[in-house]
N, C-alpha and C. Protein backbone atom coordinates (compact mmCIF):
# COMPACT_ATOMS: atom_id res chain seq x y z
N MET A 1 129.59 8.97 110.40
CA MET A 1 130.47 9.65 111.33
C MET A 1 130.49 8.90 112.65
N ASN A 2 131.62 8.96 113.35
CA ASN A 2 131.76 8.25 114.61
C ASN A 2 132.42 9.18 115.62
N LEU A 3 131.67 9.53 116.66
CA LEU A 3 132.17 10.45 117.67
C LEU A 3 133.43 9.91 118.33
N TYR A 4 133.43 8.64 118.68
CA TYR A 4 134.58 8.06 119.40
C TYR A 4 135.82 8.02 118.52
N LEU A 5 135.62 7.84 117.22
CA LEU A 5 136.76 7.85 116.32
C LEU A 5 137.39 9.24 116.24
N LEU A 6 136.54 10.26 116.17
CA LEU A 6 137.06 11.63 116.15
C LEU A 6 137.82 11.95 117.43
N LEU A 7 137.29 11.51 118.56
CA LEU A 7 137.93 11.80 119.84
C LEU A 7 139.26 11.10 120.00
N SER A 8 139.48 10.03 119.25
CA SER A 8 140.71 9.24 119.39
C SER A 8 141.79 9.61 118.39
N LEU A 9 141.54 10.58 117.53
CA LEU A 9 142.52 10.95 116.49
C LEU A 9 143.71 11.68 117.10
N PRO A 10 144.87 11.62 116.44
CA PRO A 10 146.03 12.42 116.88
C PRO A 10 145.71 13.91 116.80
N ASP A 11 146.46 14.71 117.52
CA ASP A 11 146.19 16.15 117.57
C ASP A 11 146.17 16.79 116.19
N GLU A 12 147.15 16.45 115.36
CA GLU A 12 147.27 17.10 114.06
C GLU A 12 146.15 16.71 113.10
N ALA A 13 145.45 15.62 113.39
CA ALA A 13 144.37 15.17 112.50
C ALA A 13 142.98 15.51 113.03
N PHE A 14 142.90 15.96 114.28
CA PHE A 14 141.59 16.12 114.90
C PHE A 14 140.75 17.22 114.25
N LEU A 15 141.26 18.44 114.17
CA LEU A 15 140.43 19.54 113.65
C LEU A 15 140.06 19.37 112.17
N PRO A 16 140.99 18.99 111.28
CA PRO A 16 140.57 18.76 109.90
C PRO A 16 139.47 17.71 109.79
N ALA A 17 139.59 16.61 110.56
CA ALA A 17 138.56 15.57 110.51
C ALA A 17 137.25 16.06 111.12
N ALA A 18 137.34 16.89 112.16
CA ALA A 18 136.13 17.43 112.78
C ALA A 18 135.37 18.32 111.81
N PHE A 19 136.08 19.20 111.11
CA PHE A 19 135.43 20.05 110.10
C PHE A 19 134.78 19.18 109.02
N GLU A 20 135.51 18.20 108.54
CA GLU A 20 135.02 17.38 107.44
C GLU A 20 133.77 16.60 107.84
N ASN A 21 133.75 16.05 109.05
CA ASN A 21 132.66 15.20 109.48
C ASN A 21 131.49 15.96 110.09
N VAL A 22 131.77 17.00 110.87
CA VAL A 22 130.70 17.70 111.59
C VAL A 22 130.12 18.84 110.76
N VAL A 23 130.96 19.55 110.01
CA VAL A 23 130.50 20.70 109.23
C VAL A 23 130.34 20.35 107.76
N GLY A 24 131.08 19.34 107.30
CA GLY A 24 130.94 18.90 105.92
C GLY A 24 131.78 19.63 104.92
N ARG A 25 132.89 20.19 105.37
CA ARG A 25 133.77 20.91 104.45
C ARG A 25 135.17 20.98 105.05
N GLU A 26 136.10 21.50 104.23
CA GLU A 26 137.45 21.75 104.73
C GLU A 26 137.43 22.93 105.70
N PRO A 27 138.40 22.99 106.60
CA PRO A 27 138.45 24.14 107.51
C PRO A 27 138.73 25.44 106.75
N ASP A 28 138.14 26.52 107.21
CA ASP A 28 138.55 27.84 106.76
C ASP A 28 139.52 28.40 107.78
N VAL A 29 140.32 29.38 107.38
CA VAL A 29 141.39 29.86 108.24
C VAL A 29 140.83 30.47 109.53
N ILE A 30 139.76 31.26 109.42
CA ILE A 30 139.21 31.93 110.60
C ILE A 30 138.62 30.90 111.57
N GLY A 31 137.81 29.98 111.05
CA GLY A 31 137.23 28.96 111.91
C GLY A 31 138.29 28.07 112.54
N LEU A 32 139.30 27.72 111.76
CA LEU A 32 140.38 26.89 112.27
C LEU A 32 141.12 27.61 113.40
N ALA A 33 141.40 28.90 113.21
CA ALA A 33 142.09 29.67 114.25
C ALA A 33 141.26 29.72 115.53
N HIS A 34 139.94 29.84 115.38
CA HIS A 34 139.06 29.89 116.56
C HIS A 34 139.16 28.60 117.37
N TYR A 35 139.06 27.46 116.72
CA TYR A 35 139.08 26.19 117.45
C TYR A 35 140.47 25.81 117.93
N VAL A 36 141.50 26.25 117.23
CA VAL A 36 142.86 26.06 117.74
C VAL A 36 143.02 26.80 119.06
N GLU A 37 142.51 28.03 119.10
CA GLU A 37 142.60 28.81 120.35
C GLU A 37 141.77 28.18 121.46
N ARG A 38 140.62 27.59 121.11
CA ARG A 38 139.80 26.93 122.11
C ARG A 38 140.57 25.75 122.72
N LEU A 39 141.22 24.97 121.88
CA LEU A 39 141.98 23.82 122.38
C LEU A 39 143.20 24.28 123.19
N ARG A 40 143.85 25.33 122.73
CA ARG A 40 145.02 25.85 123.45
C ARG A 40 144.63 26.37 124.83
N SER A 41 143.40 26.93 124.94
CA SER A 41 142.96 27.51 126.22
C SER A 41 142.39 26.47 127.17
N GLY A 42 142.39 25.20 126.75
CA GLY A 42 141.99 24.14 127.68
C GLY A 42 140.67 23.47 127.37
N ALA A 43 139.97 23.88 126.31
CA ALA A 43 138.71 23.21 125.95
C ALA A 43 139.00 21.78 125.50
N ASN A 44 138.16 20.83 125.95
CA ASN A 44 138.39 19.45 125.52
C ASN A 44 137.74 19.20 124.17
N ARG A 45 138.05 18.06 123.59
CA ARG A 45 137.58 17.76 122.24
C ARG A 45 136.06 17.63 122.17
N ALA A 46 135.46 17.06 123.20
CA ALA A 46 134.01 16.91 123.21
C ALA A 46 133.33 18.27 123.14
N LEU A 47 133.86 19.25 123.86
CA LEU A 47 133.29 20.59 123.83
C LEU A 47 133.42 21.22 122.45
N VAL A 48 134.57 21.04 121.81
CA VAL A 48 134.78 21.58 120.47
C VAL A 48 133.80 20.96 119.48
N LEU A 49 133.62 19.66 119.55
CA LEU A 49 132.70 18.98 118.64
C LEU A 49 131.25 19.42 118.89
N ALA A 50 130.89 19.62 120.15
CA ALA A 50 129.54 20.09 120.48
C ALA A 50 129.31 21.50 119.94
N GLU A 51 130.32 22.36 120.05
CA GLU A 51 130.20 23.71 119.50
C GLU A 51 130.02 23.67 117.99
N MET A 52 130.81 22.83 117.32
CA MET A 52 130.70 22.71 115.87
C MET A 52 129.31 22.20 115.47
N ARG A 53 128.82 21.18 116.19
CA ARG A 53 127.52 20.60 115.85
C ARG A 53 126.39 21.60 116.10
N SER A 54 126.56 22.51 117.05
CA SER A 54 125.52 23.50 117.37
C SER A 54 125.55 24.70 116.44
N SER A 55 126.60 24.85 115.63
CA SER A 55 126.66 25.98 114.70
C SER A 55 125.65 25.79 113.58
N ALA A 56 125.39 26.86 112.84
CA ALA A 56 124.42 26.78 111.74
C ALA A 56 124.85 25.76 110.69
N GLU A 57 126.14 25.74 110.37
CA GLU A 57 126.64 24.77 109.40
C GLU A 57 126.55 23.34 109.94
N GLY A 58 126.85 23.19 111.23
CA GLY A 58 126.78 21.87 111.83
C GLY A 58 125.36 21.32 111.83
N GLN A 59 124.39 22.20 112.12
CA GLN A 59 123.00 21.78 112.11
C GLN A 59 122.53 21.43 110.70
N ALA A 60 122.99 22.20 109.71
CA ALA A 60 122.60 21.93 108.33
C ALA A 60 123.19 20.61 107.83
N HIS A 61 124.38 20.27 108.34
CA HIS A 61 125.06 19.04 107.88
C HIS A 61 124.66 17.82 108.71
N ALA A 62 123.95 18.04 109.81
CA ALA A 62 123.63 16.94 110.72
C ALA A 62 122.85 15.83 110.03
N ALA A 63 121.96 16.19 109.11
CA ALA A 63 121.16 15.17 108.43
C ALA A 63 122.02 14.27 107.55
N HIS A 64 123.17 14.80 107.08
CA HIS A 64 124.05 14.03 106.21
C HIS A 64 125.11 13.26 107.01
N ALA A 65 125.24 13.57 108.30
CA ALA A 65 126.24 12.90 109.14
C ALA A 65 125.62 12.55 110.48
N PRO A 66 124.65 11.64 110.49
CA PRO A 66 123.98 11.31 111.75
C PRO A 66 124.91 10.57 112.72
N ASP A 67 124.78 10.92 113.99
CA ASP A 67 125.53 10.22 115.03
C ASP A 67 124.78 10.42 116.35
N ARG A 68 124.27 9.35 116.89
CA ARG A 68 123.44 9.43 118.09
C ARG A 68 124.20 10.02 119.27
N GLU A 69 125.43 9.58 119.47
CA GLU A 69 126.21 10.06 120.61
C GLU A 69 126.51 11.56 120.50
N LEU A 70 126.82 12.02 119.29
CA LEU A 70 127.09 13.44 119.11
C LEU A 70 125.83 14.27 119.32
N ASP A 71 124.68 13.75 118.92
CA ASP A 71 123.42 14.46 119.15
C ASP A 71 123.12 14.58 120.65
N ILE A 72 123.39 13.51 121.40
CA ILE A 72 123.21 13.56 122.85
C ILE A 72 124.15 14.59 123.47
N LEU A 73 125.42 14.58 123.00
CA LEU A 73 126.41 15.55 123.48
C LEU A 73 125.97 16.98 123.18
N GLN A 74 125.43 17.19 121.99
CA GLN A 74 125.02 18.54 121.61
C GLN A 74 123.85 19.03 122.46
N ARG A 75 122.88 18.15 122.71
CA ARG A 75 121.74 18.56 123.55
C ARG A 75 122.20 18.90 124.96
N ARG A 76 123.14 18.12 125.49
CA ARG A 76 123.69 18.41 126.82
C ARG A 76 124.44 19.74 126.80
N TYR A 77 125.19 19.97 125.75
CA TYR A 77 125.95 21.22 125.61
C TYR A 77 125.01 22.43 125.61
N ARG A 78 123.89 22.34 124.90
CA ARG A 78 122.95 23.45 124.82
C ARG A 78 122.35 23.79 126.18
N ARG A 79 122.15 22.78 127.02
CA ARG A 79 121.63 23.06 128.36
C ARG A 79 122.71 23.67 129.25
N VAL A 80 123.90 23.08 129.21
CA VAL A 80 124.97 23.50 130.12
C VAL A 80 125.49 24.90 129.79
N ARG A 81 125.50 25.28 128.52
CA ARG A 81 126.12 26.56 128.14
C ARG A 81 125.39 27.77 128.72
N ASP A 82 124.14 27.61 129.13
CA ASP A 82 123.38 28.72 129.70
C ASP A 82 123.49 28.81 131.21
N TRP A 83 124.21 27.89 131.83
CA TRP A 83 124.37 27.94 133.27
C TRP A 83 125.33 29.05 133.66
N PRO A 84 125.02 29.84 134.70
CA PRO A 84 125.88 30.99 135.09
C PRO A 84 127.06 30.57 135.95
N LEU A 85 127.90 29.69 135.41
CA LEU A 85 129.04 29.19 136.18
C LEU A 85 130.37 29.47 135.49
N GLY A 86 130.36 30.31 134.46
CA GLY A 86 131.60 30.58 133.74
C GLY A 86 132.14 29.32 133.09
N ARG A 87 133.45 29.20 133.05
CA ARG A 87 134.04 28.03 132.40
C ARG A 87 133.87 26.76 133.24
N TRP A 88 133.50 26.92 134.52
CA TRP A 88 133.30 25.74 135.35
C TRP A 88 132.10 24.91 134.90
N ARG A 89 131.18 25.51 134.14
CA ARG A 89 130.00 24.75 133.74
C ARG A 89 130.34 23.57 132.83
N TRP A 90 131.51 23.65 132.17
CA TRP A 90 131.84 22.57 131.23
C TRP A 90 132.22 21.26 131.93
N ILE A 91 132.44 21.30 133.25
CA ILE A 91 132.72 20.04 133.95
C ILE A 91 131.46 19.17 134.01
N PHE A 92 130.30 19.78 133.75
CA PHE A 92 129.05 19.01 133.74
C PHE A 92 128.71 18.49 132.34
N LEU A 93 129.56 18.78 131.37
CA LEU A 93 129.34 18.23 130.04
C LEU A 93 129.69 16.74 130.04
N SER A 94 129.04 16.01 129.17
CA SER A 94 129.26 14.57 129.12
C SER A 94 130.74 14.25 128.91
N ARG A 95 131.23 13.22 129.60
CA ARG A 95 132.63 12.83 129.52
C ARG A 95 132.80 11.65 128.59
N TYR A 96 133.91 11.67 127.85
CA TYR A 96 134.21 10.57 126.93
C TYR A 96 135.67 10.21 127.06
N ALA A 97 135.97 9.00 126.70
CA ALA A 97 137.37 8.54 126.74
C ALA A 97 138.07 9.04 125.48
N ALA A 98 138.56 10.27 125.55
CA ALA A 98 139.22 10.87 124.39
C ALA A 98 140.73 10.76 124.52
N ARG A 99 141.40 10.80 123.38
CA ARG A 99 142.86 10.80 123.38
C ARG A 99 143.34 12.07 124.07
N SER A 100 144.26 11.95 125.00
CA SER A 100 144.80 13.12 125.69
C SER A 100 145.74 13.87 124.76
N PRO A 101 145.61 15.20 124.70
CA PRO A 101 146.52 15.96 123.82
C PRO A 101 147.96 15.90 124.33
N ARG A 102 148.88 15.88 123.39
CA ARG A 102 150.30 15.86 123.77
C ARG A 102 150.67 17.21 124.38
N ARG A 103 151.36 17.18 125.47
CA ARG A 103 151.73 18.42 126.13
C ARG A 103 152.72 19.23 125.31
N ASP A 104 153.51 18.53 124.49
CA ASP A 104 154.51 19.23 123.69
C ASP A 104 153.99 19.61 122.31
N PHE A 105 152.69 19.38 122.06
CA PHE A 105 152.15 19.69 120.73
C PHE A 105 152.04 21.20 120.57
N ASP A 106 152.65 21.74 119.52
CA ASP A 106 152.66 23.18 119.26
C ASP A 106 151.50 23.52 118.33
N TRP A 107 150.39 23.97 118.90
CA TRP A 107 149.21 24.28 118.10
C TRP A 107 149.46 25.45 117.16
N ALA A 108 150.21 26.46 117.64
CA ALA A 108 150.47 27.63 116.80
C ALA A 108 151.27 27.25 115.56
N LEU A 109 152.29 26.42 115.75
CA LEU A 109 153.11 25.98 114.61
C LEU A 109 152.29 25.13 113.66
N TRP A 110 151.49 24.23 114.21
CA TRP A 110 150.63 23.39 113.36
C TRP A 110 149.66 24.24 112.56
N PHE A 111 149.05 25.22 113.21
CA PHE A 111 148.10 26.09 112.52
C PHE A 111 148.77 26.87 111.40
N SER A 112 149.99 27.36 111.66
CA SER A 112 150.72 28.11 110.64
C SER A 112 150.98 27.25 109.41
N HIS A 113 151.42 26.02 109.62
CA HIS A 113 151.70 25.14 108.48
C HIS A 113 150.43 24.70 107.78
N TYR A 114 149.40 24.35 108.54
CA TYR A 114 148.18 23.83 107.92
C TYR A 114 147.43 24.93 107.17
N SER A 115 147.40 26.13 107.72
CA SER A 115 146.69 27.22 107.04
C SER A 115 147.34 27.58 105.72
N GLU A 116 148.65 27.36 105.60
CA GLU A 116 149.33 27.60 104.32
C GLU A 116 148.85 26.63 103.26
N THR A 117 148.50 25.42 103.64
CA THR A 117 148.02 24.45 102.66
C THR A 117 146.60 24.76 102.20
N LEU A 118 145.88 25.59 102.95
CA LEU A 118 144.51 25.91 102.59
C LEU A 118 144.42 26.98 101.52
N LYS A 119 145.40 27.90 101.45
CA LYS A 119 145.31 29.06 100.56
C LYS A 119 145.16 28.69 99.09
N PRO A 120 146.02 27.83 98.52
CA PRO A 120 145.85 27.52 97.10
C PRO A 120 144.56 26.79 96.81
N LYS A 121 144.08 25.94 97.75
CA LYS A 121 142.86 25.19 97.52
C LYS A 121 141.67 26.13 97.45
N HIS A 122 141.61 27.11 98.40
CA HIS A 122 140.50 28.04 98.38
C HIS A 122 140.56 28.96 97.17
N ALA A 123 141.79 29.32 96.77
CA ALA A 123 141.92 30.20 95.61
C ALA A 123 141.44 29.50 94.35
N SER A 124 141.80 28.22 94.17
CA SER A 124 141.38 27.50 92.98
C SER A 124 139.90 27.21 93.00
N ALA A 125 139.32 27.08 94.22
CA ALA A 125 137.89 26.78 94.31
C ALA A 125 137.04 27.99 94.00
N THR A 126 137.54 29.18 94.30
CA THR A 126 136.73 30.37 94.15
C THR A 126 137.00 31.09 92.83
N THR A 127 138.10 30.77 92.15
CA THR A 127 138.40 31.43 90.89
C THR A 127 138.48 30.40 89.78
N GLY A 128 137.53 30.45 88.86
CA GLY A 128 137.53 29.57 87.72
C GLY A 128 138.25 30.19 86.55
N PRO A 129 138.30 29.50 85.40
CA PRO A 129 138.97 30.06 84.21
C PRO A 129 138.38 31.39 83.76
N GLU A 130 137.05 31.52 83.81
CA GLU A 130 136.43 32.78 83.37
C GLU A 130 136.85 33.92 84.27
N THR A 131 136.85 33.69 85.58
CA THR A 131 137.24 34.75 86.52
C THR A 131 138.70 35.13 86.32
N GLU A 132 139.55 34.13 86.13
CA GLU A 132 140.97 34.41 85.92
C GLU A 132 141.18 35.22 84.63
N ASN A 133 140.45 34.90 83.57
CA ASN A 133 140.56 35.66 82.32
C ASN A 133 140.11 37.10 82.51
N LYS A 134 139.02 37.29 83.27
CA LYS A 134 138.54 38.65 83.53
C LYS A 134 139.56 39.45 84.33
N LEU A 135 140.15 38.80 85.36
CA LEU A 135 141.16 39.48 86.17
C LEU A 135 142.37 39.85 85.32
N ALA A 136 142.78 38.95 84.42
CA ALA A 136 143.93 39.24 83.56
C ALA A 136 143.62 40.40 82.62
N ALA A 137 142.39 40.46 82.08
CA ALA A 137 142.00 41.57 81.21
C ALA A 137 141.98 42.89 81.97
N ILE A 138 141.49 42.85 83.21
CA ILE A 138 141.47 44.08 84.03
C ILE A 138 142.89 44.54 84.31
N GLU A 139 143.79 43.60 84.63
CA GLU A 139 145.18 43.96 84.90
C GLU A 139 145.83 44.59 83.67
N ARG A 140 145.56 44.03 82.48
CA ARG A 140 146.12 44.61 81.26
C ARG A 140 145.58 46.02 81.03
N ARG A 141 144.30 46.21 81.29
CA ARG A 141 143.68 47.53 81.12
C ARG A 141 144.29 48.55 82.08
N VAL A 142 144.50 48.13 83.34
CA VAL A 142 145.10 49.01 84.33
C VAL A 142 146.52 49.38 83.93
N ASP A 143 147.28 48.40 83.42
CA ASP A 143 148.65 48.68 82.98
C ASP A 143 148.65 49.67 81.82
N ALA A 144 147.72 49.52 80.89
CA ALA A 144 147.65 50.43 79.75
C ALA A 144 147.29 51.85 80.21
N LEU A 145 146.33 51.96 81.13
CA LEU A 145 145.95 53.28 81.64
C LEU A 145 147.09 53.92 82.42
N SER A 146 147.83 53.11 83.17
CA SER A 146 148.95 53.64 83.93
C SER A 146 150.03 54.17 83.00
N ALA A 147 150.33 53.43 81.91
CA ALA A 147 151.33 53.88 80.95
C ALA A 147 150.89 55.17 80.26
N ALA A 148 149.60 55.26 79.90
CA ALA A 148 149.10 56.47 79.25
C ALA A 148 149.16 57.66 80.18
N LEU A 149 148.86 57.44 81.46
CA LEU A 149 148.91 58.52 82.44
C LEU A 149 150.33 59.03 82.63
N GLN A 150 151.29 58.11 82.67
CA GLN A 150 152.68 58.51 82.83
C GLN A 150 153.16 59.34 81.65
N GLN A 151 152.70 59.01 80.44
CA GLN A 151 153.07 59.80 79.26
C GLN A 151 152.42 61.17 79.27
N ALA A 152 151.22 61.26 79.87
CA ALA A 152 150.48 62.52 79.85
C ALA A 152 150.90 63.47 80.96
N VAL A 153 151.58 62.98 82.00
CA VAL A 153 151.94 63.84 83.13
C VAL A 153 152.78 65.05 82.73
N PRO A 154 153.86 64.91 81.92
CA PRO A 154 154.64 66.10 81.54
C PRO A 154 153.79 67.14 80.80
N SER A 155 152.92 66.69 79.89
CA SER A 155 152.08 67.63 79.15
C SER A 155 151.12 68.35 80.08
N LEU A 156 150.56 67.62 81.04
CA LEU A 156 149.63 68.25 81.99
C LEU A 156 150.34 69.28 82.86
N ARG A 157 151.58 68.98 83.25
CA ARG A 157 152.34 69.93 84.06
C ARG A 157 152.63 71.20 83.27
N GLU A 158 153.03 71.04 81.99
CA GLU A 158 153.29 72.22 81.15
C GLU A 158 152.02 73.05 80.96
N LEU A 159 150.90 72.37 80.73
CA LEU A 159 149.64 73.08 80.55
C LEU A 159 149.25 73.83 81.81
N GLY A 160 149.44 73.20 82.98
CA GLY A 160 149.11 73.86 84.24
C GLY A 160 149.99 75.07 84.49
N ALA A 161 151.28 74.96 84.18
CA ALA A 161 152.19 76.09 84.37
C ALA A 161 151.83 77.23 83.45
N ALA A 162 151.46 76.91 82.19
CA ALA A 162 151.08 77.96 81.24
C ALA A 162 149.81 78.68 81.68
N GLU A 163 148.84 77.93 82.16
CA GLU A 163 147.59 78.55 82.63
C GLU A 163 147.84 79.43 83.84
N GLN A 164 148.72 79.00 84.74
CA GLN A 164 149.03 79.80 85.92
C GLN A 164 149.74 81.10 85.52
N GLU A 165 150.66 81.00 84.55
CA GLU A 165 151.38 82.20 84.10
C GLU A 165 150.43 83.17 83.41
N THR A 166 149.51 82.66 82.58
CA THR A 166 148.53 83.51 81.91
C THR A 166 147.64 84.23 82.92
N ALA A 167 147.22 83.51 83.95
CA ALA A 167 146.37 84.13 84.98
C ALA A 167 147.12 85.22 85.72
N SER A 168 148.41 85.01 85.97
CA SER A 168 149.20 86.03 86.68
C SER A 168 149.35 87.29 85.83
N ILE A 169 149.56 87.10 84.52
CA ILE A 169 149.70 88.27 83.62
C ILE A 169 148.39 89.05 83.55
N GLN A 170 147.28 88.34 83.42
CA GLN A 170 145.97 89.01 83.35
C GLN A 170 145.67 89.75 84.64
N GLN A 171 146.04 89.18 85.77
CA GLN A 171 145.78 89.83 87.05
C GLN A 171 146.61 91.09 87.19
N ALA A 172 147.88 91.03 86.75
CA ALA A 172 148.75 92.22 86.83
C ALA A 172 148.27 93.31 85.90
N ALA A 173 147.81 92.91 84.71
CA ALA A 173 147.34 93.89 83.75
C ALA A 173 146.07 94.58 84.21
N SER A 174 145.22 93.89 84.91
CA SER A 174 143.96 94.48 85.36
C SER A 174 144.12 95.22 86.67
N GLY A 175 145.28 95.16 87.29
CA GLY A 175 145.50 95.86 88.55
C GLY A 175 144.88 95.19 89.74
N GLU A 176 144.40 93.96 89.57
CA GLU A 176 143.79 93.25 90.67
C GLU A 176 144.87 92.69 91.59
N HIS A 177 144.52 92.55 92.83
CA HIS A 177 145.43 92.01 93.82
C HIS A 177 144.74 90.84 94.51
N PRO A 178 145.50 89.95 95.03
CA PRO A 178 144.89 88.82 95.76
C PRO A 178 144.04 89.34 96.90
N PRO A 179 142.94 88.70 97.19
CA PRO A 179 142.07 89.18 98.27
C PRO A 179 142.81 89.19 99.59
N ALA A 180 142.55 90.25 100.38
CA ALA A 180 143.19 90.37 101.68
C ALA A 180 142.63 89.32 102.64
N VAL A 181 143.50 88.90 103.54
CA VAL A 181 143.07 87.92 104.55
C VAL A 181 142.24 88.64 105.59
N PRO A 182 141.05 88.16 105.92
CA PRO A 182 140.22 88.81 106.94
C PRO A 182 140.97 88.89 108.26
N LEU A 183 140.73 89.98 108.98
CA LEU A 183 141.43 90.20 110.24
C LEU A 183 141.11 89.12 111.27
N THR A 184 139.92 88.57 111.16
CA THR A 184 139.52 87.55 112.12
C THR A 184 140.32 86.26 111.96
N GLU A 185 140.96 86.07 110.78
CA GLU A 185 141.75 84.87 110.55
C GLU A 185 143.22 85.07 110.91
N VAL A 186 143.58 86.27 111.37
CA VAL A 186 144.96 86.57 111.77
C VAL A 186 145.09 86.36 113.27
N SER A 187 146.15 85.71 113.69
CA SER A 187 146.33 85.41 115.11
C SER A 187 146.61 86.68 115.90
N TRP A 188 146.37 86.64 117.23
CA TRP A 188 146.61 87.81 118.08
C TRP A 188 148.09 88.17 118.10
N ALA A 189 148.97 87.17 118.01
CA ALA A 189 150.41 87.46 118.00
C ALA A 189 150.78 88.25 116.75
N ALA A 190 150.22 87.85 115.60
CA ALA A 190 150.51 88.57 114.36
C ALA A 190 149.96 89.98 114.41
N ARG A 191 148.77 90.15 114.97
CA ARG A 191 148.20 91.50 115.08
C ARG A 191 149.07 92.39 115.95
N SER A 192 149.60 91.84 117.05
CA SER A 192 150.45 92.63 117.95
C SER A 192 151.71 93.09 117.24
N ILE A 193 152.35 92.16 116.49
CA ILE A 193 153.56 92.54 115.75
C ILE A 193 153.25 93.61 114.72
N TYR A 194 152.09 93.46 114.03
CA TYR A 194 151.70 94.44 113.02
C TYR A 194 151.48 95.82 113.66
N ALA A 195 150.86 95.87 114.85
CA ALA A 195 150.62 97.14 115.54
C ALA A 195 151.93 97.79 115.95
N GLN A 196 152.89 96.99 116.42
CA GLN A 196 154.19 97.53 116.81
C GLN A 196 154.92 98.11 115.60
N MET A 197 154.81 97.46 114.44
CA MET A 197 155.45 97.96 113.22
C MET A 197 154.83 99.30 112.82
N LEU A 198 153.53 99.39 112.88
CA LEU A 198 152.87 100.65 112.54
C LEU A 198 153.29 101.78 113.48
N GLN A 199 153.44 101.45 114.77
CA GLN A 199 153.82 102.46 115.76
C GLN A 199 155.22 102.97 115.47
N ARG A 200 156.14 102.08 115.12
CA ARG A 200 157.52 102.50 114.83
C ARG A 200 157.57 103.37 113.57
N ILE A 201 156.76 103.00 112.57
CA ILE A 201 156.76 103.79 111.33
C ILE A 201 156.23 105.19 111.58
N SER A 202 155.17 105.29 112.40
CA SER A 202 154.56 106.59 112.66
C SER A 202 155.46 107.49 113.48
N THR A 203 156.35 106.93 114.32
CA THR A 203 157.27 107.75 115.12
C THR A 203 158.53 108.06 114.33
């Protein structure tokens, strides 16, 4: 890996190469979005590379991608990041002759296009033939259950209506009535109307 080479790359090639060299893998959408926002908000490339190298993945990959200059940058970054100066502390980070970002470069548009190219790669990497076969079997099972349920719905409705009618007949035959609503669950407005009705009937 070469720090100066990474710093000199065009804007559209910088983050993919940084992930590949510093972290040892292709960018993921969430991580890519984070560093795109860092660059859009004014972070320079050296700061982005130092952050990547200081991450858990960056530290794990450091043995496979040694670079003396990047290690010096990372050690400086670790000291500076704890200074209580807000974003001004980054002016004390080591300076390098990096390619200046194009002012007209649209990071949001680039991220949108590049993240679309990541989706099929990640899908193929995480789903093998066995997983795809299992998913297809599950989908077939769900379709079969859905079809069976749709066929059973009319029968279930008829059965429910018959049970409700039988219960109504038994209740009428036994002289039972639905339980009265407790007075405490009746609103004061309803009680007032009920009292007025009783008064009119009694007069």
